[in-house]
């Protein structure tokens, strides 16, 4: 999950990742499709993963992006 978020949200630049937290709140069976929803508030990226077939949350989490120095 972290790798996918870094690739897509941070354009593969892992140095921008300050913190990553995840909580498993459900289960996923092999072959089930997942939907990932992401929204931003400042330097925080909240996300949740939902099992598409059952519309049940499986993962909720938070990714904090390191602020870039202003020159």
N, C-alpha and C. Protein backbone atom coordinates (compact mmCIF):
# COMPACT_ATOMS: atom_id res chain seq x y z
N UNK A 1 0.82 -1.18 0.00
CA UNK A 1 0.00 0.00 0.00
C UNK A 1 0.87 1.26 0.00
N UNK A 2 1.88 1.30 0.85
CA UNK A 2 2.74 2.48 0.92
C UNK A 2 3.44 2.72 -0.41
N UNK A 3 3.92 1.65 -1.03
CA UNK A 3 4.62 1.79 -2.30
C UNK A 3 3.71 2.41 -3.37
N UNK A 4 2.49 1.95 -3.43
CA UNK A 4 1.53 2.47 -4.40
C UNK A 4 1.23 3.95 -4.15
N UNK A 5 1.07 4.34 -2.89
CA UNK A 5 0.81 5.74 -2.57
C UNK A 5 2.01 6.62 -2.90
N UNK A 6 3.22 6.14 -2.61
CA UNK A 6 4.42 6.92 -2.93
C UNK A 6 4.55 7.09 -4.44
N UNK A 7 4.31 6.02 -5.18
CA UNK A 7 4.42 6.10 -6.64
C UNK A 7 3.41 7.08 -7.22
N UNK A 8 2.18 7.04 -6.74
CA UNK A 8 1.12 7.83 -7.35
C UNK A 8 0.95 9.23 -6.77
N UNK A 9 1.10 9.38 -5.47
CA UNK A 9 0.90 10.69 -4.85
C UNK A 9 2.17 11.53 -4.80
N UNK A 10 3.31 10.86 -4.59
CA UNK A 10 4.57 11.58 -4.41
C UNK A 10 5.48 11.45 -5.62
N UNK A 11 4.94 10.97 -6.72
CA UNK A 11 5.69 10.83 -7.98
C UNK A 11 7.00 10.06 -7.78
N UNK A 12 6.91 8.98 -7.00
CA UNK A 12 8.03 8.07 -6.76
C UNK A 12 9.18 8.70 -5.99
N UNK A 13 8.93 9.78 -5.27
CA UNK A 13 9.97 10.46 -4.49
C UNK A 13 9.73 10.16 -3.01
N UNK A 14 10.32 9.08 -2.51
CA UNK A 14 10.08 8.65 -1.13
C UNK A 14 10.65 9.61 -0.10
N UNK A 15 11.54 10.52 -0.49
CA UNK A 15 12.09 11.48 0.47
C UNK A 15 11.03 12.47 0.93
N UNK A 16 9.92 12.57 0.19
CA UNK A 16 8.83 13.45 0.59
C UNK A 16 7.95 12.85 1.69
N UNK A 17 8.11 11.56 1.94
CA UNK A 17 7.31 10.87 2.95
C UNK A 17 7.86 11.18 4.34
N UNK A 18 7.05 11.83 5.16
CA UNK A 18 7.46 12.13 6.53
C UNK A 18 6.95 11.05 7.48
N UNK A 19 5.69 10.64 7.29
CA UNK A 19 5.09 9.69 8.20
C UNK A 19 4.01 8.91 7.47
N UNK A 20 3.79 7.66 7.90
CA UNK A 20 2.80 6.80 7.28
C UNK A 20 2.15 5.97 8.38
N UNK A 21 0.83 6.04 8.47
CA UNK A 21 0.10 5.27 9.47
C UNK A 21 -1.03 4.53 8.77
N UNK A 22 -1.26 3.30 9.19
CA UNK A 22 -2.32 2.51 8.58
C UNK A 22 -2.99 1.66 9.66
N UNK A 23 -4.30 1.48 9.50
CA UNK A 23 -5.05 0.64 10.42
C UNK A 23 -5.92 -0.30 9.59
N UNK A 24 -5.82 -1.58 9.87
CA UNK A 24 -6.64 -2.57 9.19
C UNK A 24 -7.98 -2.66 9.92
N UNK A 25 -9.06 -2.41 9.21
CA UNK A 25 -10.39 -2.37 9.82
C UNK A 25 -11.34 -3.42 9.24
N UNK A 26 -10.85 -4.22 8.33
CA UNK A 26 -11.67 -5.24 7.71
C UNK A 26 -10.78 -6.28 7.04
N UNK A 27 -11.39 -7.20 6.34
CA UNK A 27 -10.60 -8.24 5.69
C UNK A 27 -10.83 -8.21 4.18
N UNK A 28 -9.85 -8.78 3.48
CA UNK A 28 -9.90 -8.87 2.02
C UNK A 28 -9.63 -10.32 1.65
N UNK A 29 -10.45 -10.86 0.77
CA UNK A 29 -10.26 -12.21 0.28
C UNK A 29 -9.51 -12.18 -1.04
N UNK A 30 -8.73 -13.20 -1.34
CA UNK A 30 -7.99 -13.24 -2.61
C UNK A 30 -8.93 -13.05 -3.81
N UNK A 31 -8.49 -12.22 -4.73
CA UNK A 31 -9.26 -11.97 -5.95
C UNK A 31 -10.22 -10.80 -5.87
N UNK A 32 -10.44 -10.25 -4.67
CA UNK A 32 -11.35 -9.11 -4.55
C UNK A 32 -10.67 -7.84 -5.07
N UNK A 33 -11.46 -6.99 -5.69
CA UNK A 33 -10.94 -5.72 -6.19
C UNK A 33 -11.06 -4.67 -5.10
N UNK A 34 -10.09 -3.74 -5.11
CA UNK A 34 -10.04 -2.70 -4.09
C UNK A 34 -10.16 -1.33 -4.72
N UNK A 35 -10.88 -0.46 -4.05
CA UNK A 35 -10.97 0.95 -4.44
C UNK A 35 -10.24 1.76 -3.38
N UNK A 36 -9.37 2.66 -3.84
CA UNK A 36 -8.62 3.51 -2.92
C UNK A 36 -9.11 4.95 -3.09
N UNK A 37 -9.51 5.55 -1.97
CA UNK A 37 -9.95 6.95 -1.97
C UNK A 37 -8.92 7.75 -1.19
N UNK A 38 -8.49 8.87 -1.75
CA UNK A 38 -7.49 9.72 -1.10
C UNK A 38 -8.00 11.16 -1.10
N UNK A 39 -7.83 11.85 0.00
CA UNK A 39 -8.13 13.28 0.04
C UNK A 39 -7.06 13.98 0.87
N UNK A 40 -6.86 15.25 0.57
CA UNK A 40 -5.77 16.01 1.17
C UNK A 40 -6.29 17.14 2.05
N UNK A 41 -5.56 17.38 3.12
CA UNK A 41 -5.77 18.54 3.99
C UNK A 41 -4.38 19.03 4.37
N UNK A 42 -3.94 20.10 3.72
CA UNK A 42 -2.58 20.61 3.96
C UNK A 42 -1.55 19.59 3.50
N UNK A 43 -0.64 19.22 4.39
CA UNK A 43 0.39 18.25 4.02
C UNK A 43 -0.01 16.82 4.41
N UNK A 44 -1.26 16.61 4.79
CA UNK A 44 -1.76 15.29 5.16
C UNK A 44 -2.58 14.71 4.02
N UNK A 45 -2.38 13.41 3.77
CA UNK A 45 -3.13 12.68 2.76
C UNK A 45 -3.83 11.53 3.46
N UNK A 46 -5.13 11.67 3.63
CA UNK A 46 -5.93 10.60 4.24
C UNK A 46 -6.35 9.63 3.16
N UNK A 47 -6.42 8.36 3.48
CA UNK A 47 -6.85 7.39 2.49
C UNK A 47 -7.63 6.27 3.15
N UNK A 48 -8.49 5.66 2.34
CA UNK A 48 -9.19 4.47 2.77
C UNK A 48 -9.29 3.51 1.60
N UNK A 49 -9.23 2.24 1.93
CA UNK A 49 -9.31 1.19 0.93
C UNK A 49 -10.60 0.42 1.20
N UNK A 50 -11.37 0.26 0.15
CA UNK A 50 -12.67 -0.39 0.25
C UNK A 50 -12.71 -1.60 -0.68
N UNK A 51 -13.30 -2.68 -0.21
CA UNK A 51 -13.50 -3.86 -1.05
C UNK A 51 -14.67 -3.55 -1.97
N UNK A 52 -14.41 -3.53 -3.27
CA UNK A 52 -15.41 -3.09 -4.26
C UNK A 52 -16.68 -3.94 -4.23
N UNK A 53 -16.53 -5.24 -4.16
CA UNK A 53 -17.70 -6.13 -4.23
C UNK A 53 -18.62 -6.00 -3.02
N UNK A 54 -18.06 -5.72 -1.87
CA UNK A 54 -18.86 -5.66 -0.64
C UNK A 54 -19.05 -4.26 -0.10
N UNK A 55 -18.41 -3.27 -0.69
CA UNK A 55 -18.44 -1.88 -0.21
C UNK A 55 -18.16 -1.79 1.29
N UNK A 56 -17.13 -2.53 1.72
CA UNK A 56 -16.70 -2.52 3.12
C UNK A 56 -15.28 -2.00 3.19
N UNK A 57 -15.02 -1.14 4.17
CA UNK A 57 -13.66 -0.63 4.36
C UNK A 57 -12.75 -1.75 4.86
N UNK A 58 -11.53 -1.77 4.33
CA UNK A 58 -10.54 -2.74 4.77
C UNK A 58 -9.35 -2.06 5.44
N UNK A 59 -9.00 -0.85 4.98
CA UNK A 59 -7.85 -0.12 5.51
C UNK A 59 -8.20 1.36 5.57
N UNK A 60 -7.77 2.02 6.63
CA UNK A 60 -7.80 3.49 6.70
C UNK A 60 -6.41 3.94 7.09
N UNK A 61 -6.00 5.11 6.62
CA UNK A 61 -4.65 5.53 6.93
C UNK A 61 -4.39 7.00 6.69
N UNK A 62 -3.17 7.37 7.01
CA UNK A 62 -2.73 8.75 6.90
C UNK A 62 -1.29 8.76 6.42
N UNK A 63 -1.02 9.59 5.44
CA UNK A 63 0.33 9.79 4.92
C UNK A 63 0.64 11.27 5.07
N UNK A 64 1.73 11.59 5.74
CA UNK A 64 2.11 12.99 5.93
C UNK A 64 3.29 13.29 5.01
N UNK A 65 3.13 14.34 4.22
CA UNK A 65 4.14 14.73 3.24
C UNK A 65 5.06 15.78 3.87
N UNK A 66 6.36 15.56 3.70
CA UNK A 66 7.35 16.50 4.22
C UNK A 66 7.26 17.81 3.44
N UNK A 67 7.23 18.90 4.14
CA UNK A 67 7.16 20.20 3.48
C UNK A 67 8.49 20.52 2.83
N UNK A 68 8.45 21.02 1.62
CA UNK A 68 9.65 21.39 0.89
C UNK A 68 10.17 22.74 1.41
N UNK A 69 11.48 22.85 1.58
CA UNK A 69 12.03 24.14 2.01
C UNK A 69 11.80 25.20 0.95
N UNK A 70 11.48 26.40 1.41
CA UNK A 70 11.23 27.50 0.48
C UNK A 70 12.50 28.34 0.36
N UNK A 71 12.95 28.46 -0.86
CA UNK A 71 14.18 29.22 -1.10
C UNK A 71 13.89 30.61 -1.58
